[in-house]
Structure formats: C-alpha cells, structure tokens
Protein backbone atom coordinates (compact mmCIF):
# COMPACT_ATOMS: atom_id res chain seq x y z
CA UNK A 1 16.12 50.87 -15.16
CA UNK A 2 19.14 48.89 -16.80
CA UNK A 3 18.61 46.95 -20.18
CA UNK A 4 18.63 43.04 -19.52
CA UNK A 5 22.07 41.89 -20.77
CA UNK A 6 21.42 38.52 -23.02
CA UNK A 7 22.91 35.67 -21.40
CA UNK A 8 23.02 33.95 -24.86
CA UNK A 9 25.73 36.51 -26.35
CA UNK A 10 27.35 36.19 -23.08
CA UNK A 11 27.48 32.63 -23.35
CA UNK A 12 28.96 32.29 -26.80
CA UNK A 13 31.40 35.19 -26.73
CA UNK A 14 32.58 33.49 -23.81
CA UNK A 15 33.21 30.18 -25.04
CA UNK A 16 34.96 32.22 -28.24
CA UNK A 17 37.50 33.87 -26.12
CA UNK A 18 38.32 30.68 -24.37
CA UNK A 19 40.14 29.84 -27.58
CA UNK A 20 43.91 30.02 -26.96
CA UNK A 21 45.02 30.65 -30.75
CA UNK A 22 43.32 30.53 -34.09
CA UNK A 23 44.92 26.91 -34.99
CA UNK A 24 44.03 25.38 -31.32
CA UNK A 25 41.27 22.75 -31.63
CA UNK A 26 39.46 21.68 -28.59
CA UNK A 27 37.04 19.60 -27.65
CA UNK A 28 33.20 20.58 -26.11
CA UNK A 29 34.20 18.67 -22.90
CA UNK A 30 36.99 21.06 -22.71
CA UNK A 31 34.93 24.07 -23.69
CA UNK A 32 32.54 23.50 -21.17
CA UNK A 33 35.33 22.89 -18.30
CA UNK A 34 37.15 26.14 -19.25
CA UNK A 35 34.35 28.58 -19.58
CA UNK A 36 32.40 26.89 -16.88
CA UNK A 37 29.16 26.02 -18.70
CA UNK A 38 27.59 23.07 -18.78
CA UNK A 39 28.59 20.56 -21.38
CA UNK A 40 25.04 19.98 -23.16
CA UNK A 41 24.52 24.59 -23.61
CA UNK A 42 28.26 24.05 -24.38
CA UNK A 43 27.04 21.79 -27.36
CA UNK A 44 24.02 23.87 -28.39
CA UNK A 45 25.51 27.22 -28.71
CA UNK A 46 28.57 25.68 -30.70
CA UNK A 47 26.14 24.24 -33.13
CA UNK A 48 25.04 27.62 -33.82
CA UNK A 49 28.47 29.10 -34.06
CA UNK A 50 29.55 26.48 -36.28
CA UNK A 51 26.20 27.31 -38.64
CA UNK A 52 27.45 30.89 -38.84
CA UNK A 53 30.74 29.79 -39.69
CA UNK A 54 32.22 31.62 -36.20
CA UNK A 55 33.69 28.46 -35.47
CA UNK A 56 34.07 24.92 -37.72
CA UNK A 57 34.45 21.27 -36.16
CA UNK A 58 36.22 18.67 -37.32
CA UNK A 59 35.52 14.75 -37.56
CA UNK A 60 36.64 13.90 -34.17
CA UNK A 61 34.02 16.89 -33.00
CA UNK A 62 36.33 18.96 -31.83
CA UNK A 63 35.76 22.98 -32.99
CA UNK A 64 38.58 25.78 -33.83
CA UNK A 65 37.84 29.50 -35.29
CA UNK A 66 36.45 30.09 -38.35
CA UNK A 67 36.87 32.30 -41.01
CA UNK A 68 33.81 34.33 -40.21
CA UNK A 69 36.12 35.42 -36.77
CA UNK A 70 39.46 35.57 -39.17
CA UNK A 71 37.50 37.75 -41.39
CA UNK A 72 36.06 40.30 -38.68
CA UNK A 73 39.85 40.44 -37.10
CA UNK A 74 41.53 41.75 -39.93
CA UNK A 75 39.62 44.38 -40.27
CA UNK A 76 40.02 45.84 -36.41
CA UNK A 77 43.32 47.72 -36.40
CA UNK A 78 44.68 47.15 -32.69
CA UNK A 79 46.67 50.28 -32.70
CA UNK A 80 43.19 52.50 -33.70
CA UNK A 81 41.57 51.08 -31.42
CA UNK A 82 43.99 51.45 -28.54
CA UNK A 83 43.89 55.58 -29.41
CA UNK A 84 40.00 55.31 -30.01
CA UNK A 85 39.69 53.87 -26.39
CA UNK A 86 42.57 55.48 -24.47
CA UNK A 87 43.82 58.29 -26.50
CA UNK A 88 43.20 60.77 -23.03
CA UNK A 89 44.93 57.70 -21.13
CA UNK A 90 48.04 57.85 -23.57
CA UNK A 91 48.41 61.92 -23.17
CA UNK A 92 48.13 61.99 -19.01
CA UNK A 93 51.13 59.12 -19.10
CA UNK A 94 53.03 61.29 -21.66
CA UNK A 95 52.59 64.32 -19.77
CA UNK A 96 53.32 62.79 -16.35
CA UNK A 97 56.54 61.20 -17.62
CA UNK A 98 57.57 64.34 -19.58
CA UNK A 99 58.29 62.77 -22.94
CA UNK A 100 56.82 60.45 -25.90
CA UNK A 101 54.66 57.42 -25.40
CA UNK A 102 54.43 55.06 -28.34
CA UNK A 103 51.90 52.68 -29.48
CA UNK A 104 53.30 49.63 -31.41
CA UNK A 105 52.16 45.79 -32.98
CA UNK A 106 54.36 43.43 -35.00
CA UNK A 107 53.69 43.07 -38.77
CA UNK A 108 56.05 41.02 -40.47
CA UNK A 109 58.55 40.90 -37.90
CA UNK A 110 59.13 44.45 -38.06
CA UNK A 111 57.64 47.11 -35.03
CA UNK A 112 54.73 49.40 -36.64
CA UNK A 113 54.26 52.30 -34.97
CA UNK A 114 50.48 52.74 -34.66
CA UNK A 115 50.53 55.97 -32.04
CA UNK A 116 52.87 58.61 -30.76
CA UNK A 117 51.47 60.78 -27.84
CA UNK A 118 53.50 63.94 -26.42
CA UNK A 119 56.24 65.90 -26.74
CA UNK A 120 59.83 65.36 -26.68
CA UNK A 121 61.73 67.40 -23.71
CA UNK A 122 65.46 66.69 -23.45
CA UNK A 123 66.08 64.89 -26.86
CA UNK A 124 64.73 64.80 -30.30
CA UNK A 125 62.57 61.27 -30.51
CA UNK A 126 62.83 60.30 -34.55
CA UNK A 127 59.46 58.29 -34.70
CA UNK A 128 56.87 58.36 -37.00
CA UNK A 129 53.38 56.87 -36.92
CA UNK A 130 53.35 54.35 -39.97
CA UNK A 131 56.93 53.94 -39.60
CA UNK A 132 58.99 50.67 -39.26
CA UNK A 133 61.60 49.90 -36.69
CA UNK A 134 63.47 46.41 -36.68
CA UNK A 135 62.13 44.63 -33.21
CA UNK A 136 65.14 43.29 -32.54
CA UNK A 137 66.59 46.30 -30.86
CA UNK A 138 63.56 48.12 -29.61
CA UNK A 139 61.61 47.95 -26.43
CA UNK A 140 58.57 47.77 -28.60
CA UNK A 141 59.99 44.98 -30.27
CA UNK A 142 61.64 43.09 -27.75
CA UNK A 143 58.28 43.50 -25.79
CA UNK A 144 56.35 42.14 -29.04
CA UNK A 145 58.95 39.39 -29.41
CA UNK A 146 58.79 38.39 -25.93
CA UNK A 147 54.85 37.60 -26.29
CA UNK A 148 55.66 35.45 -29.27
CA UNK A 149 54.99 31.73 -29.18
CA UNK A 150 58.46 29.50 -29.27
CA UNK A 151 57.88 28.44 -32.56
CA UNK A 152 57.32 31.65 -34.07
CA UNK A 153 60.25 33.44 -31.54
CA UNK A 154 62.57 30.62 -33.25
CA UNK A 155 61.43 31.36 -37.03
CA UNK A 156 62.18 35.22 -36.32
CA UNK A 157 65.49 34.43 -34.85
CA UNK A 158 66.47 32.94 -38.06
CA UNK A 159 64.67 35.20 -40.24
CA UNK A 160 67.80 37.16 -40.93
CA UNK A 161 70.80 39.40 -39.67
CA UNK A 162 70.69 41.63 -36.80
CA UNK A 163 72.52 45.07 -37.68
CA UNK A 164 73.90 46.89 -35.61
CA UNK A 165 72.32 50.17 -35.56
CA UNK A 166 74.56 51.27 -32.45
CA UNK A 167 77.53 50.06 -30.78
CA UNK A 168 75.16 48.58 -27.99
CA UNK A 169 72.26 46.32 -30.30
CA UNK A 170 72.25 43.00 -29.57
CA UNK A 171 73.36 41.27 -32.95
CA UNK A 172 73.74 37.70 -32.27
CA UNK A 173 70.84 34.87 -31.64
CA UNK A 174 72.10 33.77 -28.02
CA UNK A 175 72.41 37.08 -26.59
CA UNK A 176 68.64 38.15 -28.13
CA UNK A 177 67.32 34.41 -26.72
CA UNK A 178 68.82 35.52 -23.41
CA UNK A 179 67.16 38.83 -23.51
CA UNK A 180 64.10 38.07 -24.78
CA UNK A 181 63.89 35.39 -21.57
CA UNK A 182 64.91 38.36 -19.50
CA UNK A 183 61.72 40.64 -20.74
CA UNK A 184 59.57 37.46 -20.04
CA UNK A 185 60.70 37.50 -16.34
CA UNK A 186 61.00 40.87 -15.71
CA UNK A 187 57.37 42.02 -17.56
CA UNK A 188 59.22 44.62 -19.65
CA UNK A 189 61.91 45.62 -21.92
CA UNK A 190 64.66 47.93 -21.90
CA UNK A 191 66.31 49.88 -25.08
CA UNK A 192 69.25 51.58 -23.54
CA UNK A 193 70.86 53.36 -26.68
CA UNK A 194 70.58 50.37 -29.33
CA UNK A 195 68.27 52.51 -31.76
CA UNK A 196 69.43 55.14 -31.46
CA UNK A 197 73.17 56.67 -29.06
CA UNK A 198 70.91 59.52 -27.47
CA UNK A 199 67.50 57.41 -26.49
CA UNK A 200 66.70 55.17 -23.72
CA UNK A 201 63.13 53.15 -24.03
CA UNK A 202 61.12 51.50 -21.54
CA UNK A 203 58.07 48.87 -23.30
CA UNK A 204 55.57 47.29 -21.61
CA UNK A 205 52.80 44.80 -23.23
CA UNK A 206 49.28 45.25 -24.02
CA UNK A 207 47.58 41.75 -23.30
CA UNK A 208 44.17 40.04 -24.17
CA UNK A 209 42.43 38.56 -21.23
CA UNK A 210 44.15 34.82 -22.32
CA UNK A 211 47.45 36.77 -20.87
CA UNK A 212 48.38 37.06 -25.50
CA UNK A 213 50.41 40.32 -26.43
CA UNK A 214 48.55 41.81 -29.23
CA UNK A 215 50.45 45.59 -28.63
CA UNK A 216 53.37 47.02 -26.78
CA UNK A 217 53.76 50.61 -25.37
CA UNK A 218 56.90 52.10 -24.58
CA UNK A 219 58.48 55.42 -23.43
CA UNK A 220 61.22 57.14 -24.90
CA UNK A 221 63.24 59.76 -23.05
CA UNK A 222 67.14 60.94 -23.25
CA UNK A 223 70.00 58.37 -22.59
CA UNK A 224 71.40 60.38 -20.28
CA UNK A 225 68.01 59.74 -17.74
CA UNK A 226 68.59 56.34 -18.04
CA UNK A 227 69.34 54.49 -14.09
CA UNK A 228 67.43 51.76 -12.20
CA UNK A 229 65.45 54.66 -10.44
CA UNK A 230 63.66 56.29 -13.79
CA UNK A 231 63.94 52.41 -14.95
CA UNK A 232 61.66 51.75 -12.14
CA UNK A 233 59.29 54.61 -12.41
CA UNK A 234 58.68 54.41 -16.04
CA UNK A 235 58.11 50.82 -15.91
CA UNK A 236 55.39 50.73 -12.96
CA UNK A 237 53.62 53.76 -14.88
CA UNK A 238 53.81 51.85 -18.05
CA UNK A 239 52.62 48.71 -16.94
CA UNK A 240 49.71 49.85 -14.94
CA UNK A 241 48.64 51.98 -18.06
CA UNK A 242 48.87 48.56 -20.00
CA UNK A 243 46.69 47.42 -17.94
CA UNK A 244 44.03 49.62 -17.25
CA UNK A 245 43.83 49.70 -21.57
CA UNK A 246 43.94 46.19 -21.49
CA UNK A 247 40.88 46.97 -20.14
CA UNK A 248 39.39 49.23 -21.85
CA UNK A 249 40.07 47.03 -25.37
CA UNK A 250 38.99 43.90 -23.52
CA UNK A 251 36.13 44.44 -21.29
CA UNK A 252 35.65 42.33 -18.28
CA UNK A 253 33.74 39.43 -18.68
CA UNK A 254 30.59 39.47 -16.41
CA UNK A 255 29.30 36.27 -14.24
CA UNK A 256 28.06 33.91 -16.64
CA UNK A 257 24.89 31.58 -15.54
CA UNK A 258 25.03 28.66 -16.41
C-alpha cells in the first residue's frame, strides 16, 4: 500500500515554486491564480510559510521568497545535484555521441565546469572540473547568457572587453547580442572554433519548471566534424537529455487538490 501524500506540503511547495524570481513581490490573489489554489487556502499556507521565514510580506500584503530559502539554496550545488541524479544519463550520452559531455553553471560572469563525462575520441578536450571559462565564446556560456534576465545580460555586456581566443571569437557587443538572440531563437548554442581552433561544441539549457536556465550541458568534438547534420544530431540529443535531467532534478508537480 502506497504511503499517502501530504497535500498541505504539496500545496506549500506549489506556492513557493510559483515565484518567478527571488526578488518578485506577489499578491495572495496572484499566487492563488498561478497555483489554482483558492485564495483562502493560499492565504493560510502563506501565513505559515511567513512564520518559518520561507517568505516575507510587505505592508501591501505581497510576498517574496525569504532568507530561509536563500540560505538553503546557497547550500545546493546544482552541478553536483545533476551528476548525482543523472550521472548514468551523461555517460550514455557521451558514449552515444563518442566524445565529452560537460555540465556548466554561471558564476560571476564565467562558466564553471561542474562535470566532465566521457573520453575524447578525435581531439584532446582540455577542460577540467572546477575550472573557469569565458562565457561569451563557449557553447555553455552562450546558453547561460541567453538564460539571463535582460538587465543581468546588459550588465555582463558592459563589464569588460571580449578578448579574442581564436580568429573566430566574438569580440564586439553588437555581435554578441545577435549571437545570444540566435541562441534564444534556436534553443541551443554553438561554439565553432571560438575557444580552441580544433574544437567545436553544442550547448543546451537545463531549465527549472518555470523555464529559467539553471545550468547548461554541452558536447565537445573535433572541429572537423562540424556540419549541419552533426549539429542537428548533437543538438537533438542534448536537448532531449537536458529535458530528462530537468525532470530528474525538478520532479513534476502532481495535481494539487484545492
């Protein structure tokens, strides 16, 4: 016999997940609309969440995520979480594509390599877990930049110059804007000899249930392999795997009884 689920806990998490950002103030009525809960039910749960510090309320009666959630989130390393839940999937993907799969997160405007799975087959892949890489020219970085809010992306653009790592590296603000716009449109990113002259990569976003990019994954191969057929094959595999990873680290919400 299955253990019965606690509906109050499910409803509370539905409310917390309905916030679209850590600084968003939301009224009880809007939270009710987003979750499908009655306003009375949402109000009772939000009062409890406020008491434990999961949310805070302003003088208008609107809520935003509180310090308890901020403190907890700081202790969650998304890269480790992905590796812990999806390590086998990453190994299968690397073996299928015959190369190296990376997981990366954005930290202070740089890509941090959180995982490296697989063995290079055609060309050496000089990446290291824990190392940093420029975001403006790597497939991982472009995906992560494409997932930033507009103001955060603008801040990145004007934070410093873009140094050319190869003769294909994007080095101007205008070209990077166009590139990130293309990434958002197609749903994945390409690095064709922009970081290393012998390597090409495709990157895909790993998103939370609200569509926010929380990490990126990429496949690296010899630049000699780059062509439209290779791009389509790799991007299709990456996007499918990214969706599966998202389901593993953000289990789908079950229907909530109002």
